[in-house]
């Protein structure tokens, strides 16, 4: 907990006319009460009757109902208090009359992968989606958020802000964008900056930095970005931040132009899997989204049957990108694939629940991992590898799942959501043939065993004493597939 007197103030400078046409948020932390006071002012001349907190936040596929974190709430119109008439479910608050301002207290909270609100002795973290409520009809309105810095503390926001005195102001086009734009403030932020593709990137380390080589972490992040640029030929953002938290809450969560990385170790090489996974999400989940996630509906958790692709295949690509970037060897890549496959064999649930069902029903259980004991991370990772083998075999090493990935990106990068059949249709185009089409449908829609060995052999890969290795006497086709993965050495 922060010492008394260290108050964080997030405010909007409406007095200067900076946000008269925007929703304006103010947040002031109460360290002793372990809560935050939040104020939302509507654009000048606008009023509402209902105020909502989010039921869930992007990337965390579990219903948390953040209305439960609200301790007190008051409404105002022209400075005069308006009574609370009642509640609309868990997350809705109804005023007795129209209001133009709301003040409420909110407790610190977290999801499965990140804090929404955290206040420590030396730093504070805000991930706004679970903290900033909104007036009915206000999701599409532009937003301004100003952070007033504590003396001696530094600040970094996912959105590049304007600095005026001790204030740092961020503007966003709507509630979804500001909700997906974290802010960290602390005494000892350690930053490594680098440029890739003509765009600025930052690694911002905070927390327990004892023994942390910030430059090494920045270098590893740069490798991830450089690989992303090689894969797609462009970067889908103006700037990007890797927020690296050490010694607290080991997990990761993607955001629109940033990611939060909760590290459990100080070795950048050992943490590279988390770094690459969350960065792949800059393309897969953020730039590439299904229709069910365009736009985000904070009150109604979506039914998405392609989380196996969004999370599991992201996990596969993170390994493939680490291989291509020279972070891991071919032996380590194959060991990762075998380890994931072995975990499915040890769990009988994988013979009962498909990847699609595990995705579709994730909100019925807790943990944001899948449904029925089946992780769409693990199942999707294996499916990604098998799909890649199928495509490389069908094209004799000339095409891969990366081509499918790039096509999907081109089809959806202008904020177009992909339909339920687009991924399957694109893979079928890259791995044509009736037999492959049937195998593809089984992989995703049924709980039948993954055709593991039958696809490994296409790349000349064999399992020897628990290790995946290159076989002997490969055919020309097998050589082409193997070399498309690992080169000619």
Protein backbone atom coordinates (compact mmCIF):
# COMPACT_ATOMS: atom_id res chain seq x y z
CA UNK A 1 0.00 0.00 0.00
CA UNK A 2 1.16 3.55 -0.77
CA UNK A 3 1.98 5.80 2.16
CA UNK A 4 -0.66 8.31 3.16
CA UNK A 5 -0.35 11.54 1.25
CA UNK A 6 0.76 9.94 -2.03
CA UNK A 7 -2.43 10.52 -3.96
CA UNK A 8 -2.73 9.74 -7.65
CA UNK A 9 -4.99 12.15 -9.48
CA UNK A 10 -6.34 11.46 -12.92
CA UNK A 11 -8.17 14.52 -14.18
CA UNK A 12 -9.46 16.25 -17.26
CA UNK A 13 -8.66 19.92 -17.75
CA UNK A 14 -12.13 20.97 -18.83
CA UNK A 15 -11.48 24.44 -17.46
CA UNK A 16 -9.01 24.96 -20.27
CA UNK A 17 -11.53 23.79 -22.85
CA UNK A 18 -9.43 20.77 -23.80
CA UNK A 19 -12.30 18.31 -23.55
CA UNK A 20 -15.62 20.15 -23.84
CA UNK A 21 -16.71 17.70 -26.53
CA UNK A 22 -15.34 14.65 -24.73
CA UNK A 23 -16.22 12.39 -21.85
CA UNK A 24 -13.85 13.47 -19.07
CA UNK A 25 -12.58 11.13 -16.36
CA UNK A 26 -10.93 11.92 -13.04
CA UNK A 27 -9.49 9.28 -10.70
CA UNK A 28 -8.03 9.97 -7.27
CA UNK A 29 -6.64 7.13 -5.20
CA UNK A 30 -7.33 6.80 -1.49
CA UNK A 31 -4.40 4.77 -0.15
CA UNK A 32 -5.70 4.46 3.40
CA UNK A 33 -9.14 3.35 2.24
CA UNK A 34 -7.68 1.08 -0.44
CA UNK A 35 -10.06 2.53 -3.02
CA UNK A 36 -10.22 5.14 -5.74
CA UNK A 37 -12.61 8.02 -6.28
CA UNK A 38 -13.68 8.25 -9.89
CA UNK A 39 -15.48 11.15 -11.54
CA UNK A 40 -16.96 11.10 -15.03
CA UNK A 41 -18.15 14.33 -16.66
CA UNK A 42 -20.22 14.13 -19.81
CA UNK A 43 -19.56 16.44 -22.77
CA UNK A 44 -20.95 19.93 -22.33
CA UNK A 45 -24.74 20.02 -22.70
CA UNK A 46 -25.20 16.23 -22.58
CA UNK A 47 -27.08 14.23 -19.95
CA UNK A 48 -27.98 10.61 -19.22
CA UNK A 49 -30.06 8.55 -16.79
CA UNK A 50 -28.05 5.31 -16.54
CA UNK A 51 -24.45 4.54 -15.72
CA UNK A 52 -22.76 1.19 -16.35
CA UNK A 53 -19.66 -0.71 -15.28
CA UNK A 54 -18.25 -3.42 -17.56
CA UNK A 55 -19.24 -7.05 -17.14
CA UNK A 56 -15.96 -8.26 -18.67
CA UNK A 57 -12.82 -6.84 -20.26
CA UNK A 58 -11.13 -7.73 -23.57
CA UNK A 59 -8.62 -10.57 -23.45
CA UNK A 60 -10.03 -11.92 -20.18
CA UNK A 61 -12.84 -14.23 -21.16
CA UNK A 62 -14.62 -14.48 -17.83
CA UNK A 63 -17.49 -12.47 -16.44
CA UNK A 64 -16.31 -10.43 -13.46
CA UNK A 65 -19.14 -7.85 -13.23
CA UNK A 66 -17.12 -4.81 -12.22
CA UNK A 67 -20.23 -3.16 -10.85
CA UNK A 68 -19.43 -5.22 -7.74
CA UNK A 69 -16.29 -3.13 -7.20
CA UNK A 70 -18.31 0.08 -6.81
CA UNK A 71 -18.68 1.03 -3.12
CA UNK A 72 -20.56 4.32 -3.35
CA UNK A 73 -22.03 6.32 -6.23
CA UNK A 74 -23.54 9.81 -6.60
CA UNK A 75 -25.04 11.64 -9.58
CA UNK A 76 -25.04 15.37 -10.29
CA UNK A 77 -26.72 17.84 -12.64
CA UNK A 78 -25.29 21.35 -12.89
CA UNK A 79 -23.49 20.74 -9.61
CA UNK A 80 -26.62 19.66 -7.74
CA UNK A 81 -26.88 16.08 -6.50
CA UNK A 82 -29.35 13.72 -8.17
CA UNK A 83 -30.57 10.75 -6.19
CA UNK A 84 -29.86 7.15 -7.09
CA UNK A 85 -33.17 5.58 -8.12
CA UNK A 86 -31.93 2.00 -8.13
CA UNK A 87 -29.89 -0.68 -9.86
CA UNK A 88 -30.23 -2.34 -13.24
CA UNK A 89 -28.71 -5.74 -12.58
CA UNK A 90 -25.20 -6.02 -11.18
CA UNK A 91 -23.52 -3.41 -13.35
CA UNK A 92 -26.18 -0.77 -13.96
CA UNK A 93 -26.94 2.32 -11.83
CA UNK A 94 -30.09 4.39 -12.50
CA UNK A 95 -30.43 8.04 -11.49
CA UNK A 96 -33.72 9.55 -10.31
CA UNK A 97 -33.29 12.34 -12.90
CA UNK A 98 -30.94 13.15 -15.74
CA UNK A 99 -27.31 13.72 -14.74
CA UNK A 100 -24.21 15.21 -16.36
CA UNK A 101 -21.63 13.96 -13.84
CA UNK A 102 -21.02 10.83 -11.78
CA UNK A 103 -18.75 10.24 -8.77
CA UNK A 104 -18.12 6.78 -7.40
CA UNK A 105 -15.60 4.87 -5.34
CA UNK A 106 -14.11 1.69 -6.72
CA UNK A 107 -12.03 -1.02 -5.09
CA UNK A 108 -8.82 -2.37 -6.65
CA UNK A 109 -9.54 -5.35 -8.88
CA UNK A 110 -7.94 -7.85 -11.20
CA UNK A 111 -8.92 -10.36 -13.81
CA UNK A 112 -7.23 -13.63 -14.72
CA UNK A 113 -4.26 -12.01 -16.44
CA UNK A 114 -3.88 -8.45 -15.20
CA UNK A 115 -4.81 -5.93 -12.58
CA UNK A 116 -7.37 -3.33 -13.53
CA UNK A 117 -6.40 -1.15 -10.61
CA UNK A 118 -3.31 -1.64 -8.46
CA UNK A 119 -1.64 0.69 -5.98
CA UNK A 120 1.77 -0.30 -4.64
CA UNK A 121 4.37 1.42 -2.51
CA UNK A 122 6.42 2.62 -5.46
CA UNK A 123 4.13 2.35 -8.48
CA UNK A 124 0.52 2.37 -9.57
CA UNK A 125 -1.13 0.59 -12.47
CA UNK A 126 -4.37 1.40 -14.26
CA UNK A 127 -5.99 -0.75 -16.93
CA UNK A 128 -9.09 1.37 -17.49
CA UNK A 129 -11.58 -1.11 -18.98
CA UNK A 130 -12.49 -2.55 -15.57
CA UNK A 131 -12.40 0.80 -13.78
CA UNK A 132 -13.99 3.47 -15.99
CA UNK A 133 -17.75 3.18 -16.25
CA UNK A 134 -19.82 4.85 -18.95
CA UNK A 135 -23.14 6.57 -19.42
CA UNK A 136 -25.79 4.89 -21.47
CA UNK A 137 -25.22 5.74 -25.12
CA UNK A 138 -21.71 7.00 -24.43
CA UNK A 139 -19.49 4.20 -25.70
CA UNK A 140 -18.80 5.85 -29.06
CA UNK A 141 -17.98 9.31 -27.75
CA UNK A 142 -14.37 10.65 -27.70
CA UNK A 143 -12.62 10.55 -24.34
CA UNK A 144 -9.89 12.52 -22.57
CA UNK A 145 -7.96 11.26 -19.56
CA UNK A 146 -5.45 13.46 -17.78
CA UNK A 147 -3.01 12.04 -15.29
CA UNK A 148 -1.58 14.44 -12.73
CA UNK A 149 1.84 13.13 -11.82
CA UNK A 150 3.09 12.66 -8.27
CA UNK A 151 6.27 14.58 -7.52
CA UNK A 152 9.25 12.37 -8.17
CA UNK A 153 7.20 9.75 -10.02
CA UNK A 154 7.42 9.13 -13.76
CA UNK A 155 4.55 8.14 -16.00
CA UNK A 156 4.07 6.19 -19.21
CA UNK A 157 0.80 5.68 -21.04
CA UNK A 158 -0.09 3.34 -23.87
CA UNK A 159 -1.37 6.39 -25.73
CA UNK A 160 1.15 9.16 -26.34
CA UNK A 161 0.00 12.08 -24.23
CA UNK A 162 0.38 15.83 -23.97
CA UNK A 163 2.37 17.16 -21.03
CA UNK A 164 1.46 20.45 -19.39
CA UNK A 165 3.12 21.10 -16.08
CA UNK A 166 2.54 18.07 -13.92
CA UNK A 167 -0.32 16.77 -16.05
CA UNK A 168 -0.25 14.11 -18.71
CA UNK A 169 -3.30 14.06 -21.00
CA UNK A 170 -4.32 11.19 -23.26
CA UNK A 171 -7.05 11.44 -25.88
CA UNK A 172 -8.92 8.44 -27.28
CA UNK A 173 -11.49 8.10 -30.00
CA UNK A 174 -13.94 6.20 -27.81
CA UNK A 175 -14.43 4.27 -24.56
CA UNK A 176 -13.07 1.04 -26.01
CA UNK A 177 -9.77 2.67 -26.97
CA UNK A 178 -9.21 4.39 -23.61
CA UNK A 179 -10.24 1.19 -21.82
CA UNK A 180 -7.57 -0.70 -23.73
CA UNK A 181 -4.82 1.83 -22.95
CA UNK A 182 -3.05 1.19 -19.63
CA UNK A 183 -1.04 3.70 -17.63
CA UNK A 184 1.81 3.07 -15.19
CA UNK A 185 3.24 5.62 -12.79
CA UNK A 186 6.13 5.00 -10.44
CA UNK A 187 9.27 6.17 -8.71
CA UNK A 188 11.60 3.86 -10.57
CA UNK A 189 10.30 3.20 -14.08
CA UNK A 190 13.12 1.83 -16.23
CA UNK A 191 12.66 2.41 -19.94
CA UNK A 192 14.39 1.03 -23.02
CA UNK A 193 13.34 2.69 -26.29
CA UNK A 194 13.89 1.33 -29.78
CA UNK A 195 12.58 1.96 -33.27
CA UNK A 196 11.36 -0.62 -35.78
CA UNK A 197 9.66 0.15 -39.07
CA UNK A 198 10.00 3.87 -38.38
CA UNK A 199 7.81 3.56 -35.27
CA UNK A 200 8.76 4.07 -31.61
CA UNK A 201 8.63 1.13 -29.19
CA UNK A 202 9.19 1.06 -25.46
CA UNK A 203 9.96 -1.52 -22.83
CA UNK A 204 8.92 -0.04 -19.47
CA UNK A 205 10.07 -2.05 -16.47
CA UNK A 206 8.63 -1.58 -12.98
CA UNK A 207 8.15 -3.47 -9.73
CA UNK A 208 11.09 -5.38 -8.26
CA UNK A 209 13.85 -4.44 -10.70
CA UNK A 210 16.71 -5.86 -8.59
CA UNK A 211 18.91 -7.88 -10.91
CA UNK A 212 16.89 -7.01 -14.03
CA UNK A 213 18.81 -6.15 -17.21
CA UNK A 214 16.30 -3.75 -18.74
CA UNK A 215 18.36 -3.42 -21.92
CA UNK A 216 18.25 -7.21 -22.42
CA UNK A 217 14.46 -7.20 -22.09
CA UNK A 218 14.24 -4.29 -24.51
CA UNK A 219 16.42 -6.20 -26.96
CA UNK A 220 14.19 -9.28 -26.71
CA UNK A 221 11.12 -7.15 -27.32
CA UNK A 222 12.84 -5.65 -30.35
CA UNK A 223 13.42 -9.13 -31.76
CA UNK A 224 9.71 -9.85 -31.46
CA UNK A 225 8.78 -6.62 -33.25
CA UNK A 226 11.36 -7.13 -36.00
CA UNK A 227 9.96 -10.59 -36.63
CA UNK A 228 6.44 -9.19 -36.77
CA UNK A 229 7.57 -6.68 -39.39
CA UNK A 230 9.20 -9.46 -41.42
CA UNK A 231 6.02 -11.52 -41.28
CA UNK A 232 3.57 -8.79 -42.29
CA UNK A 233 5.64 -6.05 -43.92
CA UNK A 234 4.01 -3.42 -41.70
CA UNK A 235 3.08 -2.71 -38.09
CA UNK A 236 -0.60 -2.09 -37.21
CA UNK A 237 -0.08 0.80 -34.79
CA UNK A 238 1.63 4.19 -34.44
CA UNK A 239 3.67 3.22 -31.37
CA UNK A 240 3.82 0.26 -28.99
CA UNK A 241 4.72 -0.32 -25.33
CA UNK A 242 5.78 -3.49 -23.53
CA UNK A 243 4.83 -2.91 -19.86
CA UNK A 244 7.07 -5.27 -17.86
CA UNK A 245 6.09 -5.85 -14.24
CA UNK A 246 8.55 -7.84 -12.13
CA UNK A 247 7.79 -9.77 -8.98
CA UNK A 248 4.01 -9.32 -8.99
CA UNK A 249 1.18 -11.23 -10.68
CA UNK A 250 2.92 -13.46 -13.27
CA UNK A 251 0.63 -13.35 -16.30
CA UNK A 252 0.23 -11.42 -19.54
CA UNK A 253 -2.55 -9.47 -21.23
CA UNK A 254 -2.66 -7.87 -24.67
CA UNK A 255 -3.90 -4.36 -25.33
CA UNK A 256 -4.41 -2.35 -28.49
CA UNK A 257 -1.01 -0.67 -28.63
CA UNK A 258 0.66 -2.35 -25.66
CA UNK A 259 0.80 -5.43 -23.50
CA UNK A 260 1.24 -6.10 -19.81
CA UNK A 261 3.90 -8.70 -19.05
CA UNK A 262 3.99 -10.08 -15.52
CA UNK A 263 7.42 -11.68 -15.27
CA UNK A 264 8.28 -14.46 -12.84
CA UNK A 265 12.00 -14.34 -13.69
CA UNK A 266 14.78 -11.89 -14.54
CA UNK A 267 16.20 -13.70 -17.58
CA UNK A 268 14.96 -12.22 -20.85
CA UNK A 269 15.65 -15.42 -22.78
CA UNK A 270 13.58 -17.47 -20.34
CA UNK A 271 10.76 -14.89 -20.50
CA UNK A 272 10.80 -14.67 -24.30
CA UNK A 273 7.81 -16.99 -24.73
CA UNK A 274 5.56 -14.57 -22.84
CA UNK A 275 6.99 -11.58 -24.71
CA UNK A 276 6.44 -13.12 -28.14
CA UNK A 277 2.99 -14.47 -27.28
CA UNK A 278 1.65 -11.11 -26.16
CA UNK A 279 3.26 -9.32 -29.08
CA UNK A 280 1.74 -11.69 -31.66
CA UNK A 281 -1.56 -10.49 -30.24
CA UNK A 282 -0.85 -7.05 -31.73
CA UNK A 283 -1.78 -8.76 -34.98
CA UNK A 284 -3.96 -11.68 -33.85
CA UNK A 285 -6.77 -10.40 -31.56
CA UNK A 286 -6.13 -6.68 -31.92
CA UNK A 287 -5.66 -6.11 -35.66
CA UNK A 288 -7.40 -9.38 -36.54
CA UNK A 289 -10.71 -9.94 -34.77
CA UNK A 290 -13.87 -11.95 -35.29
CA UNK A 291 -17.11 -10.08 -35.85
CA UNK A 292 -18.17 -10.92 -32.30
CA UNK A 293 -15.38 -8.63 -31.02
CA UNK A 294 -16.01 -5.70 -33.37
CA UNK A 295 -16.90 -3.57 -31.55
CA UNK A 296 -16.39 -4.72 -27.96
CA UNK A 297 -19.66 -4.88 -26.02
CA UNK A 298 -18.61 -4.41 -22.37
CA UNK A 299 -22.00 -5.47 -21.00
CA UNK A 300 -22.53 -8.70 -22.91
CA UNK A 301 -19.78 -11.34 -22.98
CA UNK A 302 -19.46 -12.62 -26.57
CA UNK A 303 -19.80 -16.14 -27.86
CA UNK A 304 -16.60 -16.65 -29.87
CA UNK A 305 -15.89 -20.10 -31.29
CA UNK A 306 -12.43 -19.19 -32.60
CA UNK A 307 -10.56 -18.56 -29.35
CA UNK A 308 -8.54 -21.66 -30.25
CA UNK A 309 -7.19 -19.50 -33.10
CA UNK A 310 -6.95 -16.22 -31.21
CA UNK A 311 -5.10 -17.72 -28.24
CA UNK A 312 -3.90 -21.20 -29.19
CA UNK A 313 -2.65 -20.42 -32.69
CA UNK A 314 -1.15 -17.22 -31.29
CA UNK A 315 0.79 -19.50 -28.94
CA UNK A 316 1.90 -21.56 -31.94
CA UNK A 317 3.02 -18.49 -33.88
CA UNK A 318 4.90 -17.19 -30.84
CA UNK A 319 7.02 -20.37 -30.95
CA UNK A 320 7.42 -20.15 -34.72
CA UNK A 321 8.45 -16.50 -34.51
CA UNK A 322 10.94 -17.28 -31.74
CA UNK A 323 12.40 -19.98 -34.01
CA UNK A 324 12.63 -17.62 -36.99
CA UNK A 325 14.11 -14.85 -34.86
CA UNK A 326 16.84 -17.19 -33.62
CA UNK A 327 15.65 -17.06 -30.01
CA UNK A 328 15.10 -20.84 -29.84
CA UNK A 329 16.55 -23.74 -31.82
CA UNK A 330 14.69 -26.23 -34.00
CA UNK A 331 15.13 -28.79 -31.20
CA UNK A 332 13.52 -26.45 -28.70
CA UNK A 333 10.68 -25.65 -31.11
CA UNK A 334 9.91 -29.33 -31.64
CA UNK A 335 10.15 -29.97 -27.91
CA UNK A 336 7.51 -27.29 -27.34
CA UNK A 337 5.21 -28.94 -29.88
CA UNK A 338 5.64 -32.39 -28.36
CA UNK A 339 5.10 -31.09 -24.84
CA UNK A 340 1.80 -29.50 -25.84
CA UNK A 341 0.67 -32.68 -27.58
CA UNK A 342 1.64 -34.82 -24.58
CA UNK A 343 -0.49 -32.67 -22.30
CA UNK A 344 -3.54 -33.43 -24.44
CA UNK A 345 -2.86 -37.16 -24.20
CA UNK A 346 -2.64 -37.04 -20.41
CA UNK A 347 -6.02 -35.31 -20.10
CA UNK A 348 -9.07 -37.43 -21.05
CA UNK A 349 -11.17 -34.25 -21.48
CA UNK A 350 -9.53 -33.71 -24.88
CA UNK A 351 -11.38 -36.77 -26.15
CA UNK A 352 -14.71 -35.18 -25.17
CA UNK A 353 -14.56 -31.45 -25.99
CA UNK A 354 -13.62 -29.88 -29.33
CA UNK A 355 -11.52 -26.77 -29.80
CA UNK A 356 -14.58 -24.92 -31.03
CA UNK A 357 -16.71 -25.91 -28.03
CA UNK A 358 -13.90 -25.07 -25.61
CA UNK A 359 -13.84 -21.58 -27.16
CA UNK A 360 -17.57 -21.09 -27.42
CA UNK A 361 -18.37 -22.02 -23.82
CA UNK A 362 -15.48 -20.34 -21.98
CA UNK A 363 -17.76 -17.86 -20.21
CA UNK A 364 -19.62 -20.77 -18.59
CA UNK A 365 -16.61 -21.53 -16.38
CA UNK A 366 -13.85 -19.64 -14.60
CA UNK A 367 -10.23 -19.13 -15.53
CA UNK A 368 -10.37 -17.86 -19.13
CA UNK A 369 -8.61 -20.97 -20.44
CA UNK A 370 -11.35 -23.01 -22.09
CA UNK A 371 -14.23 -25.30 -21.16
CA UNK A 372 -14.69 -28.83 -19.90
CA UNK A 373 -11.06 -29.26 -18.93
CA UNK A 374 -9.86 -28.46 -22.46
CA UNK A 375 -7.53 -25.48 -22.86
CA UNK A 376 -7.98 -23.73 -26.18
CA UNK A 377 -4.41 -22.52 -25.70
CA UNK A 378 -3.02 -26.05 -25.79
CA UNK A 379 -5.48 -27.49 -28.29
CA UNK A 380 -5.13 -24.46 -30.56
CA UNK A 381 -1.34 -24.63 -30.40
CA UNK A 382 -1.40 -28.23 -31.61
CA UNK A 383 -4.00 -27.44 -34.27
CA UNK A 384 -1.82 -24.57 -35.51
CA UNK A 385 1.16 -26.89 -35.90
CA UNK A 386 -0.91 -29.54 -37.69
CA UNK A 387 -2.51 -26.98 -40.00
CA UNK A 388 0.94 -25.64 -40.85
CA UNK A 389 2.15 -29.16 -41.66
CA UNK A 390 -0.89 -29.74 -43.87
CA UNK A 391 -0.40 -26.51 -45.83
CA UNK A 392 3.34 -27.00 -46.27
CA UNK A 393 2.77 -30.57 -47.46
CA UNK A 394 0.02 -29.56 -49.88
CA UNK A 395 2.24 -26.85 -51.39
CA UNK A 396 5.50 -28.85 -51.17
CA UNK A 397 6.92 -26.25 -48.81
CA UNK A 398 5.97 -23.21 -50.89
CA UNK A 399 3.19 -21.97 -48.58
CA UNK A 400 2.52 -22.11 -44.87
CA UNK A 401 0.05 -21.12 -42.18
CA UNK A 402 1.87 -17.78 -42.10
CA UNK A 403 0.43 -17.08 -45.56
CA UNK A 404 -3.04 -17.79 -44.18
CA UNK A 405 -2.27 -15.45 -41.29
CA UNK A 406 -1.21 -12.66 -43.64
CA UNK A 407 -4.30 -13.09 -45.82
CA UNK A 408 -6.53 -12.93 -42.75
CA UNK A 409 -4.74 -9.75 -41.68
CA UNK A 410 -5.27 -8.12 -45.08
CA UNK A 411 -8.96 -9.02 -45.00
CA UNK A 412 -9.57 -7.61 -41.50
CA UNK A 413 -7.04 -4.83 -40.85
CA UNK A 414 -9.50 -2.02 -41.70
CA UNK A 415 -11.58 -2.85 -38.60
CA UNK A 416 -13.47 -5.59 -40.43
CA UNK A 417 -14.34 -8.62 -38.34
CA UNK A 418 -13.89 -12.07 -39.83
CA UNK A 419 -16.88 -14.38 -40.15
CA UNK A 420 -17.25 -17.82 -38.58
CA UNK A 421 -16.02 -19.68 -41.64
CA UNK A 422 -13.25 -17.35 -42.88
CA UNK A 423 -10.32 -19.07 -41.13
CA UNK A 424 -11.42 -22.51 -42.26
CA UNK A 425 -12.04 -21.26 -45.79
CA UNK A 426 -8.59 -19.68 -45.99
CA UNK A 427 -6.87 -22.81 -44.71
CA UNK A 428 -8.82 -24.94 -47.17
CA UNK A 429 -7.64 -22.68 -49.98
CA UNK A 430 -4.03 -23.17 -48.87
CA UNK A 431 -4.43 -26.91 -48.24
CA UNK A 432 -6.89 -27.94 -50.91
CA UNK A 433 -8.28 -31.40 -51.33
CA UNK A 434 -11.34 -33.21 -50.08
CA UNK A 435 -9.39 -35.36 -47.63
CA UNK A 436 -7.67 -32.36 -46.07
CA UNK A 437 -10.96 -30.46 -45.85
CA UNK A 438 -12.48 -33.31 -43.88
CA UNK A 439 -9.42 -33.53 -41.62
CA UNK A 440 -9.57 -29.76 -41.00
CA UNK A 441 -13.22 -29.91 -39.93
CA UNK A 442 -12.47 -32.76 -37.53
CA UNK A 443 -9.55 -30.88 -35.99
CA UNK A 444 -11.69 -27.92 -35.02
CA UNK A 445 -15.25 -29.16 -34.64
CA UNK A 446 -14.81 -32.61 -33.11
CA UNK A 447 -13.00 -34.11 -30.16
CA UNK A 448 -11.44 -36.84 -32.26
CA UNK A 449 -7.71 -37.39 -31.63
CA UNK A 450 -5.39 -35.02 -33.46
CA UNK A 451 -3.82 -36.89 -36.42
CA UNK A 452 -0.38 -36.36 -34.95
CA UNK A 453 1.96 -38.93 -36.47
CA UNK A 454 0.19 -38.83 -39.82
CA UNK A 455 1.06 -35.15 -40.13
CA UNK A 456 4.51 -35.28 -38.56
CA UNK A 457 5.63 -37.67 -41.26
CA UNK A 458 4.78 -35.07 -43.90
CA UNK A 459 7.79 -33.08 -42.68
CA UNK A 460 9.93 -36.16 -42.13
CA UNK A 461 9.58 -35.74 -38.34
CA UNK A 462 9.65 -38.82 -36.13
CA UNK A 463 9.29 -39.39 -32.40
CA UNK A 464 12.36 -41.07 -30.96
CA UNK A 465 12.50 -41.81 -27.27
CA UNK A 466 10.26 -38.88 -26.43
CA UNK A 467 11.94 -36.40 -28.79
CA UNK A 468 10.79 -35.12 -32.16
CA UNK A 469 13.68 -35.35 -34.61
CA UNK A 470 14.38 -35.39 -38.33
CA UNK A 471 13.92 -38.85 -39.78
CA UNK A 472 16.22 -40.72 -42.14
CA UNK A 473 15.92 -41.07 -45.92
CA UNK A 474 13.42 -38.27 -46.44
CA UNK A 475 11.58 -38.05 -49.75
CA UNK A 476 11.98 -34.91 -51.82
CA UNK A 477 8.56 -33.75 -50.64
CA UNK A 478 9.43 -34.35 -47.00
CA UNK A 479 12.71 -32.49 -47.45
CA UNK A 480 10.86 -29.53 -48.91
CA UNK A 481 8.49 -29.41 -45.94
CA UNK A 482 11.27 -29.87 -43.38
CA UNK A 483 13.45 -27.19 -44.98
CA UNK A 484 10.52 -24.77 -45.11
CA UNK A 485 10.51 -24.99 -41.31
CA UNK A 486 14.15 -25.38 -40.39
CA UNK A 487 16.28 -24.62 -43.46
CA UNK A 488 18.77 -26.95 -45.16
CA UNK A 489 21.18 -27.42 -42.30
